[in-house]
Amino acid sequence: MTYAIASGKSYSHILQFTVCLGQLYGCLVYFITAYLDGFNFWTSPFYFWAYFIGANSSWVVIPTMIAIRSWKKICAAFQVEKVKTK
């Protein structure tokens, strides 16, 4: 995947989008599992907000931003193809 992104391959955005969706799914499973456990793992509110929310937020925010960017690029590529075929 790194090779495709670095060399600007045409399929790099599809790979990025797919990997980001996988990461977001993993985060969703992690948060839902903790919720279903009743958040029994945290000992204080600071631990909950600093570790559970703060430290894990980058695993949600960054893939979301990359997925949105890749989605826009994919949509733009389809719009260009649609214009060329008319």
PDB file of N, CA and C in Angstrom:
ATOM      1  N   MET A   1       0.826  -1.185   0.000  1.00  0.00           N
ATOM      2  CA  MET A   1       0.000   0.000   0.000  1.00  0.00           C
ATOM      3  C   MET A   1       0.871   1.249   0.000  1.00  0.00           C
ATOM      4  N   THR A   2       1.926   1.242   0.773  1.00  0.00           N
ATOM      5  CA  THR A   2       2.806   2.407   0.823  1.00  0.00           C
ATOM      6  C   THR A   2       3.395   2.699  -0.546  1.00  0.00           C
ATOM      7  N   TYR A   3       3.751   1.649  -1.268  1.00  0.00           N
ATOM      8  CA  TYR A   3       4.294   1.823  -2.613  1.00  0.00           C
ATOM      9  C   TYR A   3       3.268   2.487  -3.530  1.00  0.00           C
ATOM     10  N   ALA A   4       2.019   2.057  -3.439  1.00  0.00           N
ATOM     11  CA  ALA A   4       0.963   2.617  -4.290  1.00  0.00           C
ATOM     12  C   ALA A   4       0.741   4.094  -3.992  1.00  0.00           C
ATOM     13  N   ILE A   5       0.785   4.457  -2.716  1.00  0.00           N
ATOM     14  CA  ILE A   5       0.578   5.854  -2.334  1.00  0.00           C
ATOM     15  C   ILE A   5       1.769   6.705  -2.753  1.00  0.00           C
ATOM     16  N   ALA A   6       2.981   6.215  -2.465  1.00  0.00           N
ATOM     17  CA  ALA A   6       4.185   6.988  -2.765  1.00  0.00           C
ATOM     18  C   ALA A   6       4.391   7.180  -4.262  1.00  0.00           C
ATOM     19  N   SER A   7       4.027   6.186  -5.047  1.00  0.00           N
ATOM     20  CA  SER A   7       4.248   6.295  -6.489  1.00  0.00           C
ATOM     21  C   SER A   7       3.039   6.852  -7.236  1.00  0.00           C
ATOM     22  N   GLY A   8       1.960   7.168  -6.502  1.00  0.00           N
ATOM     23  CA  GLY A   8       0.799   7.797  -7.117  1.00  0.00           C
ATOM     24  C   GLY A   8       0.017   6.877  -8.039  1.00  0.00           C
ATOM     25  N   LYS A   9      -0.064   5.619  -7.690  1.00  0.00           N
ATOM     26  CA  LYS A   9      -0.810   4.658  -8.506  1.00  0.00           C
ATOM     27  C   LYS A   9      -2.297   5.021  -8.528  1.00  0.00           C
ATOM     28  N   SER A  10      -2.968   4.612  -9.574  1.00  0.00           N
ATOM     29  CA  SER A  10      -4.375   4.974  -9.739  1.00  0.00           C
ATOM     30  C   SER A  10      -5.277   4.328  -8.697  1.00  0.00           C
ATOM     31  N   TYR A  11      -4.859   3.233  -8.125  1.00  0.00           N
ATOM     32  CA  TYR A  11      -5.674   2.519  -7.142  1.00  0.00           C
ATOM     33  C   TYR A  11      -5.334   2.877  -5.695  1.00  0.00           C
ATOM     34  N   SER A  12      -4.482   3.855  -5.487  1.00  0.00           N
ATOM     35  CA  SER A  12      -4.045   4.185  -4.123  1.00  0.00           C
ATOM     36  C   SER A  12      -5.189   4.695  -3.251  1.00  0.00           C
ATOM     37  N   HIS A  13      -6.110   5.452  -3.815  1.00  0.00           N
ATOM     38  CA  HIS A  13      -7.207   5.979  -2.996  1.00  0.00           C
ATOM     39  C   HIS A  13      -8.199   4.889  -2.603  1.00  0.00           C
ATOM     40  N   ILE A  14      -8.386   3.914  -3.456  1.00  0.00           N
ATOM     41  CA  ILE A  14      -9.255   2.800  -3.086  1.00  0.00           C
ATOM     42  C   ILE A  14      -8.624   2.007  -1.948  1.00  0.00           C
ATOM     43  N   LEU A  15      -7.308   1.788  -2.012  1.00  0.00           N
ATOM     44  CA  LEU A  15      -6.613   1.098  -0.922  1.00  0.00           C
ATOM     45  C   LEU A  15      -6.703   1.887   0.380  1.00  0.00           C
ATOM     46  N   GLN A  16      -6.458   3.189   0.304  1.00  0.00           N
ATOM     47  CA  GLN A  16      -6.530   4.024   1.501  1.00  0.00           C
ATOM     48  C   GLN A  16      -7.922   3.993   2.112  1.00  0.00           C
ATOM     49  N   PHE A  17      -8.935   4.099   1.281  1.00  0.00           N
ATOM     50  CA  PHE A  17     -10.305   4.092   1.768  1.00  0.00           C
ATOM     51  C   PHE A  17     -10.632   2.765   2.444  1.00  0.00           C
ATOM     52  N   THR A  18     -10.207   1.674   1.841  1.00  0.00           N
ATOM     53  CA  THR A  18     -10.469   0.342   2.390  1.00  0.00           C
ATOM     54  C   THR A  18      -9.773   0.142   3.726  1.00  0.00           C
ATOM     55  N   VAL A  19      -8.521   0.517   3.811  1.00  0.00           N
ATOM     56  CA  VAL A  19      -7.770   0.357   5.060  1.00  0.00           C
ATOM     57  C   VAL A  19      -8.356   1.252   6.155  1.00  0.00           C
ATOM     58  N   CYS A  20      -8.756   2.456   5.802  1.00  0.00           N
ATOM     59  CA  CYS A  20      -9.358   3.357   6.790  1.00  0.00           C
ATOM     60  C   CYS A  20     -10.679   2.813   7.309  1.00  0.00           C
ATOM     61  N   LEU A  21     -11.485   2.237   6.435  1.00  0.00           N
ATOM     62  CA  LEU A  21     -12.734   1.637   6.896  1.00  0.00           C
ATOM     63  C   LEU A  21     -12.461   0.470   7.835  1.00  0.00           C
ATOM     64  N   GLY A  22     -11.426  -0.312   7.549  1.00  0.00           N
ATOM     65  CA  GLY A  22     -11.054  -1.397   8.447  1.00  0.00           C
ATOM     66  C   GLY A  22     -10.614  -0.885   9.806  1.00  0.00           C
ATOM     67  N   GLN A  23      -9.846   0.198   9.819  1.00  0.00           N
ATOM     68  CA  GLN A  23      -9.406   0.804  11.079  1.00  0.00           C
ATOM     69  C   GLN A  23     -10.592   1.343  11.871  1.00  0.00           C
ATOM     70  N   LEU A  24     -11.496   2.013  11.189  1.00  0.00           N
ATOM     71  CA  LEU A  24     -12.671   2.559  11.870  1.00  0.00           C
ATOM     72  C   LEU A  24     -13.567   1.447  12.412  1.00  0.00           C
ATOM     73  N   TYR A  25     -13.662   0.349  11.691  1.00  0.00           N
ATOM     74  CA  TYR A  25     -14.427  -0.796  12.175  1.00  0.00           C
ATOM     75  C   TYR A  25     -13.776  -1.364  13.444  1.00  0.00           C
ATOM     76  N   GLY A  26     -12.452  -1.470  13.439  1.00  0.00           N
ATOM     77  CA  GLY A  26     -11.745  -1.949  14.625  1.00  0.00           C
ATOM     78  C   GLY A  26     -11.963  -1.045  15.824  1.00  0.00           C
ATOM     79  N   CYS A  27     -11.949   0.253  15.606  1.00  0.00           N
ATOM     80  CA  CYS A  27     -12.210   1.200  16.702  1.00  0.00           C
ATOM     81  C   CYS A  27     -13.639   1.055  17.206  1.00  0.00           C
ATOM     82  N   LEU A  28     -14.566   0.890  16.297  1.00  0.00           N
ATOM     83  CA  LEU A  28     -15.962   0.712  16.682  1.00  0.00           C
ATOM     84  C   LEU A  28     -16.123  -0.536  17.550  1.00  0.00           C
ATOM     85  N   VAL A  29     -15.500  -1.615  17.163  1.00  0.00           N
ATOM     86  CA  VAL A  29     -15.565  -2.847  17.958  1.00  0.00           C
ATOM     87  C   VAL A  29     -14.940  -2.629  19.331  1.00  0.00           C
ATOM     88  N   TYR A  30     -13.812  -1.923  19.383  1.00  0.00           N
ATOM     89  CA  TYR A  30     -13.136  -1.631  20.649  1.00  0.00           C
ATOM     90  C   TYR A  30     -14.034  -0.820  21.581  1.00  0.00           C
ATOM     91  N   PHE A  31     -14.638   0.243  21.055  1.00  0.00           N
ATOM     92  CA  PHE A  31     -15.482   1.096  21.889  1.00  0.00           C
ATOM     93  C   PHE A  31     -16.776   0.397  22.296  1.00  0.00           C
ATOM     94  N   ILE A  32     -17.365  -0.360  21.393  1.00  0.00           N
ATOM     95  CA  ILE A  32     -18.596  -1.076  21.739  1.00  0.00           C
ATOM     96  C   ILE A  32     -18.320  -2.152  22.784  1.00  0.00           C
ATOM     97  N   THR A  33     -17.209  -2.850  22.661  1.00  0.00           N
ATOM     98  CA  THR A  33     -16.852  -3.861  23.654  1.00  0.00           C
ATOM     99  C   THR A  33     -16.677  -3.233  25.032  1.00  0.00           C
ATOM    100  N   ALA A  34     -16.005  -2.101  25.083  1.00  0.00           N
ATOM    101  CA  ALA A  34     -15.829  -1.408  26.364  1.00  0.00           C
ATOM    102  C   ALA A  34     -17.173  -0.947  26.917  1.00  0.00           C
ATOM    103  N   TYR A  35     -18.041  -0.477  26.046  1.00  0.00           N
ATOM    104  CA  TYR A  35     -19.368  -0.035  26.478  1.00  0.00           C
ATOM    105  C   TYR A  35     -20.179  -1.202  27.033  1.00  0.00           C
ATOM    106  N   LEU A  36     -20.159  -2.315  26.334  1.00  0.00           N
ATOM    107  CA  LEU A  36     -20.919  -3.483  26.782  1.00  0.00           C
ATOM    108  C   LEU A  36     -20.361  -4.061  28.082  1.00  0.00           C
ATOM    109  N   ASP A  37     -19.071  -3.851  28.315  1.00  0.00           N
ATOM    110  CA  ASP A  37     -18.454  -4.264  29.577  1.00  0.00           C
ATOM    111  C   ASP A  37     -18.808  -3.309  30.708  1.00  0.00           C
ATOM    112  N   GLY A  38     -19.412  -2.204  30.379  1.00  0.00           N
ATOM    113  CA  GLY A  38     -19.792  -1.215  31.377  1.00  0.00           C
ATOM    114  C   GLY A  38     -18.663  -0.282  31.765  1.00  0.00           C
ATOM    115  N   PHE A  39     -17.672  -0.150  30.914  1.00  0.00           N
ATOM    116  CA  PHE A  39     -16.502   0.690  31.192  1.00  0.00           C
ATOM    117  C   PHE A  39     -15.873   0.327  32.531  1.00  0.00           C
ATOM    118  N   ASN A  40     -15.809  -0.950  32.838  1.00  0.00           N
ATOM    119  CA  ASN A  40     -15.253  -1.405  34.109  1.00  0.00           C
ATOM    120  C   ASN A  40     -13.738  -1.297  34.185  1.00  0.00           C
ATOM    121  N   PHE A  41     -13.091  -1.006  33.086  1.00  0.00           N
ATOM    122  CA  PHE A  41     -11.628  -0.976  33.070  1.00  0.00           C
ATOM    123  C   PHE A  41     -11.037   0.324  33.593  1.00  0.00           C
ATOM    124  N   TRP A  42     -11.808   1.359  33.698  1.00  0.00           N
ATOM    125  CA  TRP A  42     -11.237   2.639  34.114  1.00  0.00           C
ATOM    126  C   TRP A  42     -11.395   2.833  35.609  1.00  0.00           C
ATOM    127  N   THR A  43     -10.379   3.418  36.199  1.00  0.00           N
ATOM    128  CA  THR A  43     -10.352   3.604  37.652  1.00  0.00           C
ATOM    129  C   THR A  43     -10.730   5.013  38.070  1.00  0.00           C
ATOM    130  N   SER A  44     -10.612   5.958  37.172  1.00  0.00           N
ATOM    131  CA  SER A  44     -10.964   7.336  37.503  1.00  0.00           C
ATOM    132  C   SER A  44     -11.438   8.053  36.247  1.00  0.00           C
ATOM    133  N   PRO A  45     -12.142   9.155  36.409  1.00  0.00           N
ATOM    134  CA  PRO A  45     -12.579   9.922  35.235  1.00  0.00           C
ATOM    135  C   PRO A  45     -11.401  10.432  34.392  1.00  0.00           C
ATOM    136  N   PHE A  46     -10.287  10.760  35.063  1.00  0.00           N
ATOM    137  CA  PHE A  46      -9.114  11.218  34.319  1.00  0.00           C
ATOM    138  C   PHE A  46      -8.616  10.118  33.385  1.00  0.00           C
ATOM    139  N   TYR A  47      -8.534   8.907  33.885  1.00  0.00           N
ATOM    140  CA  TYR A  47      -8.088   7.779  33.072  1.00  0.00           C
ATOM    141  C   TYR A  47      -9.025   7.572  31.884  1.00  0.00           C
ATOM    142  N   PHE A  48     -10.306   7.677  32.129  1.00  0.00           N
ATOM    143  CA  PHE A  48     -11.288   7.502  31.064  1.00  0.00           C
ATOM    144  C   PHE A  48     -11.094   8.544  29.970  1.00  0.00           C
ATOM    145  N   TRP A  49     -11.019   9.829  30.353  1.00  0.00           N
ATOM    146  CA  TRP A  49     -10.918  10.889  29.353  1.00  0.00           C
ATOM    147  C   TRP A  49      -9.532  10.988  28.729  1.00  0.00           C
ATOM    148  N   ALA A  50      -8.488  10.785  29.529  1.00  0.00           N
ATOM    149  CA  ALA A  50      -7.128  10.917  28.999  1.00  0.00           C
ATOM    150  C   ALA A  50      -6.739   9.720  28.133  1.00  0.00           C
ATOM    151  N   TYR A  51      -6.988   8.527  28.631  1.00  0.00           N
ATOM    152  CA  TYR A  51      -6.567   7.346  27.881  1.00  0.00           C
ATOM    153  C   TYR A  51      -7.631   6.886  26.889  1.00  0.00           C
ATOM    154  N   PHE A  52      -8.797   6.565  27.389  1.00  0.00           N
ATOM    155  CA  PHE A  52      -9.814   5.945  26.548  1.00  0.00           C
ATOM    156  C   PHE A  52     -10.287   6.883  25.449  1.00  0.00           C
ATOM    157  N   ILE A  53     -10.515   8.119  25.766  1.00  0.00           N
ATOM    158  CA  ILE A  53     -11.002   9.074  24.759  1.00  0.00           C
ATOM    159  C   ILE A  53      -9.836   9.794  24.078  1.00  0.00           C
ATOM    160  N   GLY A  54      -8.965  10.411  24.853  1.00  0.00           N
ATOM    161  CA  GLY A  54      -7.886  11.221  24.290  1.00  0.00           C
ATOM    162  C   GLY A  54      -6.882  10.449  23.464  1.00  0.00           C
ATOM    163  N   ALA A  55      -6.329   9.379  24.023  1.00  0.00           N
ATOM    164  CA  ALA A  55      -5.299   8.622  23.317  1.00  0.00           C
ATOM    165  C   ALA A  55      -5.860   7.859  22.126  1.00  0.00           C
ATOM    166  N   ASN A  56      -7.100   7.466  22.196  1.00  0.00           N
ATOM    167  CA  ASN A  56      -7.687   6.698  21.109  1.00  0.00           C
ATOM    168  C   ASN A  56      -8.359   7.563  20.053  1.00  0.00           C
ATOM    169  N   SER A  57      -8.494   8.843  20.311  1.00  0.00           N
ATOM    170  CA  SER A  57      -9.183   9.702  19.342  1.00  0.00           C
ATOM    171  C   SER A  57      -8.412   9.815  18.025  1.00  0.00           C
ATOM    172  N   SER A  58      -7.084   9.756  18.074  1.00  0.00           N
ATOM    173  CA  SER A  58      -6.320   9.849  16.827  1.00  0.00           C
ATOM    174  C   SER A  58      -6.574   8.640  15.928  1.00  0.00           C
ATOM    175  N   TRP A  59      -6.923   7.493  16.531  1.00  0.00           N
ATOM    176  CA  TRP A  59      -7.217   6.291  15.742  1.00  0.00           C
ATOM    177  C   TRP A  59      -8.571   6.385  15.051  1.00  0.00           C
ATOM    178  N   VAL A  60      -9.348   7.405  15.406  1.00  0.00           N
ATOM    179  CA  VAL A  60     -10.636   7.636  14.755  1.00  0.00           C
ATOM    180  C   VAL A  60     -10.554   8.849  13.829  1.00  0.00           C
ATOM    181  N   VAL A  61      -9.947   9.926  14.299  1.00  0.00           N
ATOM    182  CA  VAL A  61      -9.930  11.185  13.548  1.00  0.00           C
ATOM    183  C   VAL A  61      -9.090  11.077  12.276  1.00  0.00           C
ATOM    184  N   ILE A  62      -7.879  10.551  12.380  1.00  0.00           N
ATOM    185  CA  ILE A  62      -6.984  10.499  11.215  1.00  0.00           C
ATOM    186  C   ILE A  62      -7.535   9.593  10.112  1.00  0.00           C
ATOM    187  N   PRO A  63      -7.959   8.344  10.430  1.00  0.00           N
ATOM    188  CA  PRO A  63      -8.540   7.543   9.345  1.00  0.00           C
ATOM    189  C   PRO A  63      -9.810   8.150   8.750  1.00  0.00           C
ATOM    190  N   THR A  64     -10.590   8.847   9.560  1.00  0.00           N
ATOM    191  CA  THR A  64     -11.789   9.496   9.031  1.00  0.00           C
ATOM    192  C   THR A  64     -11.409  10.577   8.024  1.00  0.00           C
ATOM    193  N   MET A  65     -10.404  11.379   8.355  1.00  0.00           N
ATOM    194  CA  MET A  65      -9.958  12.429   7.438  1.00  0.00           C
ATOM    195  C   MET A  65      -9.403  11.840   6.143  1.00  0.00           C
ATOM    196  N   ILE A  66      -8.614  10.774   6.255  1.00  0.00           N
ATOM    197  CA  ILE A  66      -8.049  10.145   5.058  1.00  0.00           C
ATOM    198  C   ILE A  66      -9.159   9.513   4.219  1.00  0.00           C
ATOM    199  N   ALA A  67     -10.129   8.878   4.876  1.00  0.00           N
ATOM    200  CA  ALA A  67     -11.235   8.254   4.146  1.00  0.00           C
ATOM    201  C   ALA A  67     -12.065   9.297   3.412  1.00  0.00           C
ATOM    202  N   ILE A  68     -12.321  10.421   4.041  1.00  0.00           N
ATOM    203  CA  ILE A  68     -13.087  11.490   3.387  1.00  0.00           C
ATOM    204  C   ILE A  68     -12.327  12.030   2.178  1.00  0.00           C
ATOM    205  N   ARG A  69     -11.031  12.263   2.339  1.00  0.00           N
ATOM    206  CA  ARG A  69     -10.221  12.759   1.224  1.00  0.00           C
ATOM    207  C   ARG A  69     -10.210  11.763   0.069  1.00  0.00           C
ATOM    208  N   SER A  70     -10.024  10.487   0.394  1.00  0.00           N
ATOM    209  CA  SER A  70      -9.994   9.462  -0.650  1.00  0.00           C
ATOM    210  C   SER A  70     -11.350   9.334  -1.333  1.00  0.00           C
ATOM    211  N   TRP A  71     -12.416   9.413  -0.553  1.00  0.00           N
ATOM    212  CA  TRP A  71     -13.761   9.332  -1.129  1.00  0.00           C
ATOM    213  C   TRP A  71     -13.996  10.475  -2.111  1.00  0.00           C
ATOM    214  N   LYS A  72     -13.567  11.681  -1.754  1.00  0.00           N
ATOM    215  CA  LYS A  72     -13.728  12.832  -2.647  1.00  0.00           C
ATOM    216  C   LYS A  72     -12.930  12.648  -3.934  1.00  0.00           C
ATOM    217  N   LYS A  73     -11.716  12.102  -3.805  1.00  0.00           N
ATOM    218  CA  LYS A  73     -10.884  11.866  -4.991  1.00  0.00           C
ATOM    219  C   LYS A  73     -11.512  10.805  -5.895  1.00  0.00           C
ATOM    220  N   ILE A  74     -12.057   9.760  -5.293  1.00  0.00           N
ATOM    221  CA  ILE A  74     -12.706   8.702  -6.075  1.00  0.00           C
ATOM    222  C   ILE A  74     -13.929   9.270  -6.795  1.00  0.00           C
ATOM    223  N   CYS A  75     -14.746  10.040  -6.088  1.00  0.00           N
ATOM    224  CA  CYS A  75     -15.935  10.653  -6.711  1.00  0.00           C
ATOM    225  C   CYS A  75     -15.547  11.603  -7.829  1.00  0.00           C
ATOM    226  N   ALA A  76     -14.497  12.379  -7.617  1.00  0.00           N
ATOM    227  CA  ALA A  76     -14.036  13.308  -8.654  1.00  0.00           C
ATOM    228  C   ALA A  76     -13.561  12.551  -9.893  1.00  0.00           C
ATOM    229  N   ALA A  77     -12.909  11.424  -9.695  1.00  0.00           N
ATOM    230  CA  ALA A  77     -12.452  10.626 -10.836  1.00  0.00           C
ATOM    231  C   ALA A  77     -13.637  10.099 -11.632  1.00  0.00           C
ATOM    232  N   PHE A  78     -14.703   9.698 -10.949  1.00  0.00           N
ATOM    233  CA  PHE A  78     -15.885   9.232 -11.666  1.00  0.00           C
ATOM    234  C   PHE A  78     -16.585  10.376 -12.386  1.00  0.00           C
ATOM    235  N   GLN A  79     -16.557  11.568 -11.830  1.00  0.00           N
ATOM    236  CA  GLN A  79     -17.163  12.722 -12.491  1.00  0.00           C
ATOM    237  C   GLN A  79     -16.403  13.059 -13.771  1.00  0.00           C
ATOM    238  N   VAL A  80     -15.083  12.973 -13.730  1.00  0.00           N
ATOM    239  CA  VAL A  80     -14.268  13.238 -14.920  1.00  0.00           C
ATOM    240  C   VAL A  80     -14.581  12.213 -15.996  1.00  0.00           C
ATOM    241  N   GLU A  81     -14.703  10.950 -15.610  1.00  0.00           N
ATOM    242  CA  GLU A  81     -15.028   9.901 -16.582  1.00  0.00           C
ATOM    243  C   GLU A  81     -16.412  10.136 -17.185  1.00  0.00           C
ATOM    244  N   LYS A  82     -17.349  10.589 -16.376  1.00  0.00           N
ATOM    245  CA  LYS A  82     -18.713  10.826 -16.853  1.00  0.00           C
ATOM    246  C   LYS A  82     -18.713  11.963 -17.881  1.00  0.00           C
ATOM    247  N   VAL A  83     -17.934  13.015 -17.632  1.00  0.00           N
ATOM    248  CA  VAL A  83     -17.855  14.148 -18.541  1.00  0.00           C
ATOM    249  C   VAL A  83     -17.191  13.726 -19.844  1.00  0.00           C
ATOM    250  N   LYS A  84     -16.141  12.895 -19.775  1.00  0.00           N
ATOM    251  CA  LYS A  84     -15.430  12.475 -20.977  1.00  0.00           C
ATOM    252  C   LYS A  84     -16.293  11.617 -21.882  1.00  0.00           C
ATOM    253  N   THR A  85     -17.200  10.856 -21.309  1.00  0.00           N
ATOM    254  CA  THR A  85     -18.019   9.947 -22.119  1.00  0.00           C
ATOM    255  C   THR A  85     -19.210  10.643 -22.760  1.00  0.00           C
ATOM    256  N   LYS A  86     -19.578  11.819 -22.344  1.00  0.00           N
ATOM    257  CA  LYS A  86     -20.724  12.531 -22.923  1.00  0.00           C
ATOM    258  C   LYS A  86     -20.392  13.158 -24.239  1.00  0.00           C
TER     259      LYS A  86
END
